[in-house]
Amino acid sequence: IQIQECLQVSKDTEGVFSYEHTQGEEVCGLYLVGGPDQRVKLTLVDAAIGSDCDEEVIVFLDGWELNDNILPSVNDHLLPLADRVAEFCGPNRQPIQLISTQNNAMVQYKIKKPGHRFLLSVEYIPNPDPCNVLMSDTTGVFTFSNEGRARNCSITTLMFPAKFEVLGLSIGAKVTKRKEDREAEIGISSQCSQHGERDFLELGGSSYLSSSRLGTREAICGYQPQPLTKAMIILCDSSTVRLVSSGDYKNSVTVLVRAANEDDLENKNDVQMVCPDF
């Protein structure tokens, strides 16, 4: 499979990708995304590039980088950024391989000399515990949990406005612990993060690809086993559902995500959120 574009996206395609440089000096990228329950396995099969790292380099990244934004963001990933990168360059270079933590990964490369080239193998392998998902399809139902651990999980749409329908959630303490009149345990609060809660579901979007730097956002928490009466329409270039967990509770959420359409914009029952520059 030939890499022909400087910024090329490949979805679900396994095999050997090849690149041979002809002209130009810019940094280019091959962006890879699999199914929600997959990880990406990248192996550099062969490379013929120069020995100066400032001139020519091949980098594997556990995630995507676009316009200085990294997805999943540093706040939402279990590994520090330094451990998410494998680099091939210089005179003492070693073969590199990377298995992503989630369903997206990328190859960044800077090659200046015509005829210099590389071959890499792309495989998609099962992910038994999907946490951060880059959603490349326009519809899907997702359930995720922190499994009682301190970690953040997210679904981010690949550059389209979205409609989120929360089908059920259990996040943080039961609502009775926050209310003096001890109402029924079922209920949703939208005051979670304002009240210092460290467990909440964040819904929002941004004008760039990010899971944590959201231009517009709403946070909810509590326990509701039935679908919420209002859906959320996120009018942004990229939309995110993000489960933030302290580790004090076993949190879970099920959400239906699909691309927003014109009918959604006219539905006054749902909550609409718009990014400033959308």
C-alpha atoms as a PDB file:
ATOM      1  CA  ILE A   1       0.000   0.000   0.000  1.00  0.00           C
ATOM      2  CA  GLN A   2       1.650   3.221  -1.121  1.00  0.00           C
ATOM      3  CA  ILE A   3       1.631   6.335   1.031  1.00  0.00           C
ATOM      4  CA  GLN A   4       0.921   9.097  -1.469  1.00  0.00           C
ATOM      5  CA  GLU A   5      -0.407  12.041   0.560  1.00  0.00           C
ATOM      6  CA  CYS A   6       1.587  14.060   3.087  1.00  0.00           C
ATOM      7  CA  LEU A   7      -1.376  13.790   5.483  1.00  0.00           C
ATOM      8  CA  GLN A   8      -3.003  10.420   4.854  1.00  0.00           C
ATOM      9  CA  VAL A   9      -5.717   8.715   6.933  1.00  0.00           C
ATOM     10  CA  SER A  10      -6.079   4.927   6.800  1.00  0.00           C
ATOM     11  CA  LYS A  11      -9.077   3.252   8.417  1.00  0.00           C
ATOM     12  CA  ASP A  12      -9.127  -0.493   9.270  1.00  0.00           C
ATOM     13  CA  THR A  13      -6.589  -1.351   6.531  1.00  0.00           C
ATOM     14  CA  GLU A  14      -3.920  -3.890   7.473  1.00  0.00           C
ATOM     15  CA  GLY A  15      -0.803  -4.692   5.477  1.00  0.00           C
ATOM     16  CA  VAL A  16       2.573  -3.274   4.490  1.00  0.00           C
ATOM     17  CA  PHE A  17       2.685   0.463   3.750  1.00  0.00           C
ATOM     18  CA  SER A  18       5.548   1.866   1.673  1.00  0.00           C
ATOM     19  CA  TYR A  19       6.849   5.388   1.175  1.00  0.00           C
ATOM     20  CA  GLU A  20       9.559   6.683  -1.159  1.00  0.00           C
ATOM     21  CA  HIS A  21      10.500  10.334  -1.035  1.00  0.00           C
ATOM     22  CA  THR A  22      10.433  12.422  -4.213  1.00  0.00           C
ATOM     23  CA  GLN A  23      10.432  16.094  -3.185  1.00  0.00           C
ATOM     24  CA  GLY A  24       9.733  18.527  -0.345  1.00  0.00           C
ATOM     25  CA  GLU A  25      10.982  18.836   3.230  1.00  0.00           C
ATOM     26  CA  GLU A  26       7.825  19.072   5.349  1.00  0.00           C
ATOM     27  CA  VAL A  27       6.888  16.786   8.219  1.00  0.00           C
ATOM     28  CA  CYS A  28       4.228  14.308   7.043  1.00  0.00           C
ATOM     29  CA  GLY A  29       1.961  11.820   8.775  1.00  0.00           C
ATOM     30  CA  LEU A  30       0.109   8.562   8.237  1.00  0.00           C
ATOM     31  CA  TYR A  31      -2.929   8.534  10.564  1.00  0.00           C
ATOM     32  CA  LEU A  32      -4.282   5.093  11.452  1.00  0.00           C
ATOM     33  CA  VAL A  33      -7.606   4.251  13.098  1.00  0.00           C
ATOM     34  CA  GLY A  34      -9.246   0.889  13.748  1.00  0.00           C
ATOM     35  CA  GLY A  35     -12.471  -0.301  15.350  1.00  0.00           C
ATOM     36  CA  PRO A  36     -13.354   0.869  18.873  1.00  0.00           C
ATOM     37  CA  ASP A  37     -12.212  -2.438  20.435  1.00  0.00           C
ATOM     38  CA  GLN A  38      -8.878  -2.615  18.604  1.00  0.00           C
ATOM     39  CA  ARG A  39      -5.283  -1.511  19.101  1.00  0.00           C
ATOM     40  CA  VAL A  40      -2.814  -0.620  16.364  1.00  0.00           C
ATOM     41  CA  LYS A  41       0.443  -2.570  16.028  1.00  0.00           C
ATOM     42  CA  LEU A  42       3.135  -0.768  14.001  1.00  0.00           C
ATOM     43  CA  THR A  43       6.394  -2.407  12.942  1.00  0.00           C
ATOM     44  CA  LEU A  44       9.124  -0.728  10.904  1.00  0.00           C
ATOM     45  CA  VAL A  45      10.043  -3.448   8.402  1.00  0.00           C
ATOM     46  CA  ASP A  46      12.778  -1.596   6.495  1.00  0.00           C
ATOM     47  CA  ALA A  47      14.107   1.948   6.187  1.00  0.00           C
ATOM     48  CA  ALA A  48      16.758   3.717   4.116  1.00  0.00           C
ATOM     49  CA  ILE A  49      17.170   7.224   5.539  1.00  0.00           C
ATOM     50  CA  GLY A  50      20.068   9.507   6.459  1.00  0.00           C
ATOM     51  CA  SER A  51      21.941   9.323   9.756  1.00  0.00           C
ATOM     52  CA  ASP A  52      21.269  12.907  10.963  1.00  0.00           C
ATOM     53  CA  CYS A  53      18.200  13.027  13.242  1.00  0.00           C
ATOM     54  CA  ASP A  54      17.679  16.725  12.507  1.00  0.00           C
ATOM     55  CA  GLU A  55      17.448  15.985   8.800  1.00  0.00           C
ATOM     56  CA  GLU A  56      15.533  12.709   8.560  1.00  0.00           C
ATOM     57  CA  VAL A  57      13.490  10.811  11.158  1.00  0.00           C
ATOM     58  CA  ILE A  58      10.594   8.346  11.471  1.00  0.00           C
ATOM     59  CA  VAL A  59       8.426   8.481  14.614  1.00  0.00           C
ATOM     60  CA  PHE A  60       5.650   6.152  15.790  1.00  0.00           C
ATOM     61  CA  LEU A  61       3.098   7.760  18.146  1.00  0.00           C
ATOM     62  CA  ASP A  62       0.582   6.077  20.452  1.00  0.00           C
ATOM     63  CA  GLY A  63      -2.272   8.412  19.427  1.00  0.00           C
ATOM     64  CA  TRP A  64      -2.607  11.213  16.880  1.00  0.00           C
ATOM     65  CA  GLU A  65      -0.958  14.612  16.698  1.00  0.00           C
ATOM     66  CA  LEU A  66      -2.641  17.348  14.652  1.00  0.00           C
ATOM     67  CA  ASN A  67      -1.867  21.070  14.876  1.00  0.00           C
ATOM     68  CA  ASP A  68       0.006  20.554  18.181  1.00  0.00           C
ATOM     69  CA  ASN A  69      -2.967  18.735  19.746  1.00  0.00           C
ATOM     70  CA  ILE A  70      -2.456  15.134  20.847  1.00  0.00           C
ATOM     71  CA  LEU A  71      -5.333  12.647  20.998  1.00  0.00           C
ATOM     72  CA  PRO A  72      -5.861  11.070  23.487  1.00  0.00           C
ATOM     73  CA  SER A  73      -4.619  14.095  25.414  1.00  0.00           C
ATOM     74  CA  VAL A  74      -1.872  13.817  28.016  1.00  0.00           C
ATOM     75  CA  ASN A  75      -4.533  14.172  30.770  1.00  0.00           C
ATOM     76  CA  ASP A  76      -6.498  11.188  29.466  1.00  0.00           C
ATOM     77  CA  HIS A  77      -3.688   8.713  28.787  1.00  0.00           C
ATOM     78  CA  LEU A  78      -2.217   6.240  31.270  1.00  0.00           C
ATOM     79  CA  LEU A  79       1.286   6.652  29.805  1.00  0.00           C
ATOM     80  CA  PRO A  80       3.442   9.790  29.897  1.00  0.00           C
ATOM     81  CA  LEU A  81       4.043  11.258  26.452  1.00  0.00           C
ATOM     82  CA  ALA A  82       7.690  10.141  26.379  1.00  0.00           C
ATOM     83  CA  ASP A  83       6.548   6.505  26.657  1.00  0.00           C
ATOM     84  CA  ARG A  84       4.088   6.918  23.769  1.00  0.00           C
ATOM     85  CA  VAL A  85       6.786   7.604  21.161  1.00  0.00           C
ATOM     86  CA  ALA A  86       9.208   5.333  19.278  1.00  0.00           C
ATOM     87  CA  GLU A  87      11.822   7.088  17.130  1.00  0.00           C
ATOM     88  CA  PHE A  88      14.021   5.801  14.313  1.00  0.00           C
ATOM     89  CA  CYS A  89      16.965   7.998  13.281  1.00  0.00           C
ATOM     90  CA  GLY A  90      20.698   8.562  13.760  1.00  0.00           C
ATOM     91  CA  PRO A  91      23.683   6.258  13.254  1.00  0.00           C
ATOM     92  CA  ASN A  92      22.879   3.819  16.114  1.00  0.00           C
ATOM     93  CA  ARG A  93      19.244   3.289  15.302  1.00  0.00           C
ATOM     94  CA  GLN A  94      17.396   0.191  16.411  1.00  0.00           C
ATOM     95  CA  PRO A  95      14.336  -1.415  14.795  1.00  0.00           C
ATOM     96  CA  ILE A  96      11.136   0.043  16.246  1.00  0.00           C
ATOM     97  CA  GLN A  97       7.703  -1.351  17.034  1.00  0.00           C
ATOM     98  CA  LEU A  98       4.731   0.209  18.815  1.00  0.00           C
ATOM     99  CA  ILE A  99       1.407  -1.177  20.050  1.00  0.00           C
ATOM    100  CA  SER A 100      -1.051   1.608  20.731  1.00  0.00           C
ATOM    101  CA  THR A 101      -3.107   1.803  23.913  1.00  0.00           C
ATOM    102  CA  GLN A 102      -6.282   2.650  21.988  1.00  0.00           C
ATOM    103  CA  ASN A 103      -7.626   2.389  18.420  1.00  0.00           C
ATOM    104  CA  ASN A 104      -5.585   5.210  16.881  1.00  0.00           C
ATOM    105  CA  ALA A 105      -1.869   5.647  16.193  1.00  0.00           C
ATOM    106  CA  MET A 106       0.265   7.470  13.651  1.00  0.00           C
ATOM    107  CA  VAL A 107       3.564   7.535  11.814  1.00  0.00           C
ATOM    108  CA  GLN A 108       5.244  10.931  11.505  1.00  0.00           C
ATOM    109  CA  TYR A 109       8.202  11.276   9.195  1.00  0.00           C
ATOM    110  CA  LYS A 110      10.561  13.909   7.879  1.00  0.00           C
ATOM    111  CA  ILE A 111      12.594  12.810   4.866  1.00  0.00           C
ATOM    112  CA  LYS A 112      14.489  15.222   2.632  1.00  0.00           C
ATOM    113  CA  LYS A 113      16.502  13.165   0.161  1.00  0.00           C
ATOM    114  CA  PRO A 114      14.792  11.773  -2.972  1.00  0.00           C
ATOM    115  CA  GLY A 115      14.916   7.985  -3.068  1.00  0.00           C
ATOM    116  CA  HIS A 116      15.040   7.573   0.709  1.00  0.00           C
ATOM    117  CA  ARG A 117      12.225   5.305   1.803  1.00  0.00           C
ATOM    118  CA  PHE A 118      10.646   3.052   4.423  1.00  0.00           C
ATOM    119  CA  LEU A 119       8.331   0.057   4.767  1.00  0.00           C
ATOM    120  CA  LEU A 120       6.067  -0.492   7.732  1.00  0.00           C
ATOM    121  CA  SER A 121       3.604  -3.165   8.777  1.00  0.00           C
ATOM    122  CA  VAL A 122       0.170  -2.223  10.185  1.00  0.00           C
ATOM    123  CA  GLU A 123      -1.940  -4.710  12.148  1.00  0.00           C
ATOM    124  CA  TYR A 124      -5.088  -4.269  14.227  1.00  0.00           C
ATOM    125  CA  ILE A 125      -5.246  -6.446  17.332  1.00  0.00           C
ATOM    126  CA  PRO A 126      -8.040  -6.916  19.934  1.00  0.00           C
ATOM    127  CA  ASN A 127      -8.281  -4.496  22.842  1.00  0.00           C
ATOM    128  CA  PRO A 128     -10.003  -6.245  25.785  1.00  0.00           C
ATOM    129  CA  ASP A 129     -10.450  -2.969  27.730  1.00  0.00           C
ATOM    130  CA  PRO A 130     -11.188  -0.035  25.386  1.00  0.00           C
ATOM    131  CA  CYS A 131     -10.980   3.257  27.262  1.00  0.00           C
ATOM    132  CA  ASN A 132     -10.202   6.051  24.805  1.00  0.00           C
ATOM    133  CA  VAL A 133     -11.865   5.707  21.408  1.00  0.00           C
ATOM    134  CA  LEU A 134     -11.473   7.776  18.252  1.00  0.00           C
ATOM    135  CA  MET A 135     -14.778   7.271  16.469  1.00  0.00           C
ATOM    136  CA  SER A 136     -14.387   7.112  12.700  1.00  0.00           C
ATOM    137  CA  ASP A 137     -17.889   5.766  11.950  1.00  0.00           C
ATOM    138  CA  THR A 138     -20.818   8.156  12.192  1.00  0.00           C
ATOM    139  CA  THR A 139     -22.955   5.987  14.526  1.00  0.00           C
ATOM    140  CA  GLY A 140     -22.215   3.742  17.479  1.00  0.00           C
ATOM    141  CA  VAL A 141     -23.274   2.693  20.973  1.00  0.00           C
ATOM    142  CA  PHE A 142     -20.473   2.648  23.524  1.00  0.00           C
ATOM    143  CA  THR A 143     -20.272   1.471  27.117  1.00  0.00           C
ATOM    144  CA  PHE A 144     -17.203   2.241  29.154  1.00  0.00           C
ATOM    145  CA  SER A 145     -16.131   2.037  32.751  1.00  0.00           C
ATOM    146  CA  ASN A 146     -13.162   3.062  34.852  1.00  0.00           C
ATOM    147  CA  GLU A 147     -13.248  -0.456  36.417  1.00  0.00           C
ATOM    148  CA  GLY A 148     -12.895   1.263  39.790  1.00  0.00           C
ATOM    149  CA  ARG A 149      -9.572   2.851  38.832  1.00  0.00           C
ATOM    150  CA  ALA A 150      -8.408   6.457  38.615  1.00  0.00           C
ATOM    151  CA  ARG A 151      -8.481   6.984  34.875  1.00  0.00           C
ATOM    152  CA  ASN A 152     -10.277   9.064  32.260  1.00  0.00           C
ATOM    153  CA  CYS A 153     -11.976   7.458  29.259  1.00  0.00           C
ATOM    154  CA  SER A 154     -13.289   9.276  26.207  1.00  0.00           C
ATOM    155  CA  ILE A 155     -14.988   8.974  22.845  1.00  0.00           C
ATOM    156  CA  THR A 156     -14.020  11.651  20.340  1.00  0.00           C
ATOM    157  CA  THR A 157     -15.655  11.988  16.931  1.00  0.00           C
ATOM    158  CA  LEU A 158     -13.416  12.342  13.916  1.00  0.00           C
ATOM    159  CA  MET A 159     -14.214  15.919  12.914  1.00  0.00           C
ATOM    160  CA  PHE A 160     -18.013  15.931  12.764  1.00  0.00           C
ATOM    161  CA  PRO A 161     -20.756  17.542  14.903  1.00  0.00           C
ATOM    162  CA  ALA A 162     -22.487  14.892  16.993  1.00  0.00           C
ATOM    163  CA  LYS A 163     -25.657  13.973  18.849  1.00  0.00           C
ATOM    164  CA  PHE A 164     -25.064  12.254  22.194  1.00  0.00           C
ATOM    165  CA  GLU A 165     -27.833  10.260  23.859  1.00  0.00           C
ATOM    166  CA  VAL A 166     -26.912   8.994  27.337  1.00  0.00           C
ATOM    167  CA  LEU A 167     -28.670   5.619  27.700  1.00  0.00           C
ATOM    168  CA  GLY A 168     -27.631   5.018  31.295  1.00  0.00           C
ATOM    169  CA  LEU A 169     -24.980   6.095  33.776  1.00  0.00           C
ATOM    170  CA  SER A 170     -23.675   5.509  37.262  1.00  0.00           C
ATOM    171  CA  ILE A 171     -21.039   8.081  38.165  1.00  0.00           C
ATOM    172  CA  GLY A 172     -19.799   9.155  41.587  1.00  0.00           C
ATOM    173  CA  ALA A 173     -21.775   9.038  44.797  1.00  0.00           C
ATOM    174  CA  LYS A 174     -25.505   8.447  44.732  1.00  0.00           C
ATOM    175  CA  VAL A 175     -27.242  11.809  44.522  1.00  0.00           C
ATOM    176  CA  THR A 176     -28.692  11.419  48.068  1.00  0.00           C
ATOM    177  CA  LYS A 177     -25.268  12.091  49.528  1.00  0.00           C
ATOM    178  CA  ARG A 178     -25.438  15.589  48.067  1.00  0.00           C
ATOM    179  CA  LYS A 179     -29.024  16.446  48.962  1.00  0.00           C
ATOM    180  CA  GLU A 180     -30.326  17.387  52.385  1.00  0.00           C
ATOM    181  CA  ASP A 181     -33.899  16.285  51.725  1.00  0.00           C
ATOM    182  CA  ARG A 182     -32.758  12.732  50.861  1.00  0.00           C
ATOM    183  CA  GLU A 183     -34.690  12.258  47.655  1.00  0.00           C
ATOM    184  CA  ALA A 184     -34.677   8.973  45.776  1.00  0.00           C
ATOM    185  CA  GLU A 185     -31.261   7.655  44.809  1.00  0.00           C
ATOM    186  CA  ILE A 186     -32.009   7.918  41.104  1.00  0.00           C
ATOM    187  CA  GLY A 187     -31.141  11.320  39.758  1.00  0.00           C
ATOM    188  CA  ILE A 188     -28.709  13.360  37.746  1.00  0.00           C
ATOM    189  CA  SER A 189     -26.818  16.425  38.897  1.00  0.00           C
ATOM    190  CA  SER A 190     -25.264  18.986  36.570  1.00  0.00           C
ATOM    191  CA  GLN A 191     -23.363  20.624  39.439  1.00  0.00           C
ATOM    192  CA  CYS A 192     -20.713  17.910  39.738  1.00  0.00           C
ATOM    193  CA  SER A 193     -17.445  19.609  38.885  1.00  0.00           C
ATOM    194  CA  GLN A 194     -18.642  22.933  40.372  1.00  0.00           C
ATOM    195  CA  HIS A 195     -19.191  21.181  43.708  1.00  0.00           C
ATOM    196  CA  GLY A 196     -15.704  19.724  43.699  1.00  0.00           C
ATOM    197  CA  GLU A 197     -16.757  16.249  42.626  1.00  0.00           C
ATOM    198  CA  ARG A 198     -13.909  14.371  40.999  1.00  0.00           C
ATOM    199  CA  ASP A 199     -16.141  11.918  39.111  1.00  0.00           C
ATOM    200  CA  PHE A 200     -18.312  13.180  36.275  1.00  0.00           C
ATOM    201  CA  LEU A 201     -19.286  12.752  32.632  1.00  0.00           C
ATOM    202  CA  GLU A 202     -18.175  15.622  30.442  1.00  0.00           C
ATOM    203  CA  LEU A 203     -19.933  16.227  27.120  1.00  0.00           C
ATOM    204  CA  GLY A 204     -18.683  18.878  24.751  1.00  0.00           C
ATOM    205  CA  GLY A 205     -16.616  19.699  21.738  1.00  0.00           C
ATOM    206  CA  SER A 206     -13.768  21.708  20.334  1.00  0.00           C
ATOM    207  CA  SER A 207     -12.634  23.265  17.093  1.00  0.00           C
ATOM    208  CA  TYR A 208      -9.616  20.945  17.031  1.00  0.00           C
ATOM    209  CA  LEU A 209      -9.062  17.273  17.739  1.00  0.00           C
ATOM    210  CA  SER A 210      -8.830  17.083  21.549  1.00  0.00           C
ATOM    211  CA  SER A 211     -10.357  14.910  24.276  1.00  0.00           C
ATOM    212  CA  SER A 212      -9.796  17.325  27.182  1.00  0.00           C
ATOM    213  CA  ARG A 213      -9.408  20.906  25.881  1.00  0.00           C
ATOM    214  CA  LEU A 214     -13.085  21.473  25.132  1.00  0.00           C
ATOM    215  CA  GLY A 215     -14.357  24.787  23.784  1.00  0.00           C
ATOM    216  CA  THR A 216     -17.850  24.124  25.138  1.00  0.00           C
ATOM    217  CA  ARG A 217     -18.810  21.602  27.818  1.00  0.00           C
ATOM    218  CA  GLU A 218     -21.453  20.303  30.230  1.00  0.00           C
ATOM    219  CA  ALA A 219     -20.764  17.939  33.154  1.00  0.00           C
ATOM    220  CA  ILE A 220     -23.225  15.529  34.763  1.00  0.00           C
ATOM    221  CA  CYS A 221     -23.029  12.815  37.405  1.00  0.00           C
ATOM    222  CA  GLY A 222     -25.303  10.603  39.467  1.00  0.00           C
ATOM    223  CA  TYR A 223     -27.236   7.404  38.836  1.00  0.00           C
ATOM    224  CA  GLN A 224     -29.801   6.932  36.084  1.00  0.00           C
ATOM    225  CA  PRO A 225     -30.332   3.423  34.637  1.00  0.00           C
ATOM    226  CA  GLN A 226     -32.759   4.729  31.973  1.00  0.00           C
ATOM    227  CA  PRO A 227     -32.041   6.984  28.975  1.00  0.00           C
ATOM    228  CA  LEU A 228     -31.903  10.695  29.760  1.00  0.00           C
ATOM    229  CA  THR A 229     -34.889  12.665  28.441  1.00  0.00           C
ATOM    230  CA  LYS A 230     -32.732  15.206  26.624  1.00  0.00           C
ATOM    231  CA  ALA A 231     -30.004  14.475  24.106  1.00  0.00           C
ATOM    232  CA  MET A 232     -27.005  16.747  23.552  1.00  0.00           C
ATOM    233  CA  ILE A 233     -26.290  18.265  20.147  1.00  0.00           C
ATOM    234  CA  ILE A 234     -22.645  19.343  19.934  1.00  0.00           C
ATOM    235  CA  LEU A 235     -22.044  21.790  17.078  1.00  0.00           C
ATOM    236  CA  CYS A 236     -18.258  21.697  16.913  1.00  0.00           C
ATOM    237  CA  ASP A 237     -15.648  20.366  14.497  1.00  0.00           C
ATOM    238  CA  SER A 238     -14.981  17.525  16.925  1.00  0.00           C
ATOM    239  CA  SER A 239     -17.189  16.229  19.759  1.00  0.00           C
ATOM    240  CA  THR A 240     -16.253  14.348  22.930  1.00  0.00           C
ATOM    241  CA  VAL A 241     -17.869  12.293  25.692  1.00  0.00           C
ATOM    242  CA  ARG A 242     -15.394  11.989  28.566  1.00  0.00           C
ATOM    243  CA  LEU A 243     -15.722   9.940  31.744  1.00  0.00           C
ATOM    244  CA  VAL A 244     -13.521  11.461  34.468  1.00  0.00           C
ATOM    245  CA  SER A 245     -12.858   9.119  37.410  1.00  0.00           C
ATOM    246  CA  SER A 246     -11.008   9.591  40.703  1.00  0.00           C
ATOM    247  CA  GLY A 247     -10.845   5.884  41.552  1.00  0.00           C
ATOM    248  CA  ASP A 248     -13.187   6.326  44.542  1.00  0.00           C
ATOM    249  CA  TYR A 249     -16.162   4.853  42.669  1.00  0.00           C
ATOM    250  CA  LYS A 250     -16.852   2.291  39.982  1.00  0.00           C
ATOM    251  CA  ASN A 251     -18.227   4.507  37.212  1.00  0.00           C
ATOM    252  CA  SER A 252     -19.875   3.438  33.984  1.00  0.00           C
ATOM    253  CA  VAL A 253     -21.822   5.038  31.157  1.00  0.00           C
ATOM    254  CA  THR A 254     -23.565   3.899  27.974  1.00  0.00           C
ATOM    255  CA  VAL A 255     -23.977   6.457  25.213  1.00  0.00           C
ATOM    256  CA  LEU A 256     -25.351   6.472  21.668  1.00  0.00           C
ATOM    257  CA  VAL A 257     -23.263   8.664  19.390  1.00  0.00           C
ATOM    258  CA  ARG A 258     -24.192   9.661  15.875  1.00  0.00           C
ATOM    259  CA  ALA A 259     -23.563  12.501  13.451  1.00  0.00           C
ATOM    260  CA  ALA A 260     -25.948  15.416  14.006  1.00  0.00           C
ATOM    261  CA  ASN A 261     -28.316  16.220  11.135  1.00  0.00           C
ATOM    262  CA  GLU A 262     -30.630  19.108  10.224  1.00  0.00           C
ATOM    263  CA  ASP A 263     -33.608  17.605  12.087  1.00  0.00           C
ATOM    264  CA  ASP A 264     -31.530  17.607  15.272  1.00  0.00           C
ATOM    265  CA  LEU A 265     -30.915  21.338  14.923  1.00  0.00           C
ATOM    266  CA  GLU A 266     -34.664  22.004  14.892  1.00  0.00           C
ATOM    267  CA  ASN A 267     -35.456  19.803  17.896  1.00  0.00           C
ATOM    268  CA  LYS A 268     -36.098  22.236  20.752  1.00  0.00           C
ATOM    269  CA  ASN A 269     -36.268  19.448  23.359  1.00  0.00           C
ATOM    270  CA  ASP A 270     -32.570  18.645  23.149  1.00  0.00           C
ATOM    271  CA  VAL A 271     -29.695  20.684  24.558  1.00  0.00           C
ATOM    272  CA  GLN A 272     -27.577  22.411  21.906  1.00  0.00           C
ATOM    273  CA  MET A 273     -23.983  23.439  22.524  1.00  0.00           C
ATOM    274  CA  VAL A 274     -22.015  25.443  19.977  1.00  0.00           C
ATOM    275  CA  CYS A 275     -18.281  26.037  19.792  1.00  0.00           C
ATOM    276  CA  PRO A 276     -17.361  29.736  19.517  1.00  0.00           C
ATOM    277  CA  ASP A 277     -15.827  29.400  16.049  1.00  0.00           C
ATOM    278  CA  PHE A 278     -18.171  26.794  14.555  1.00  0.00           C
END
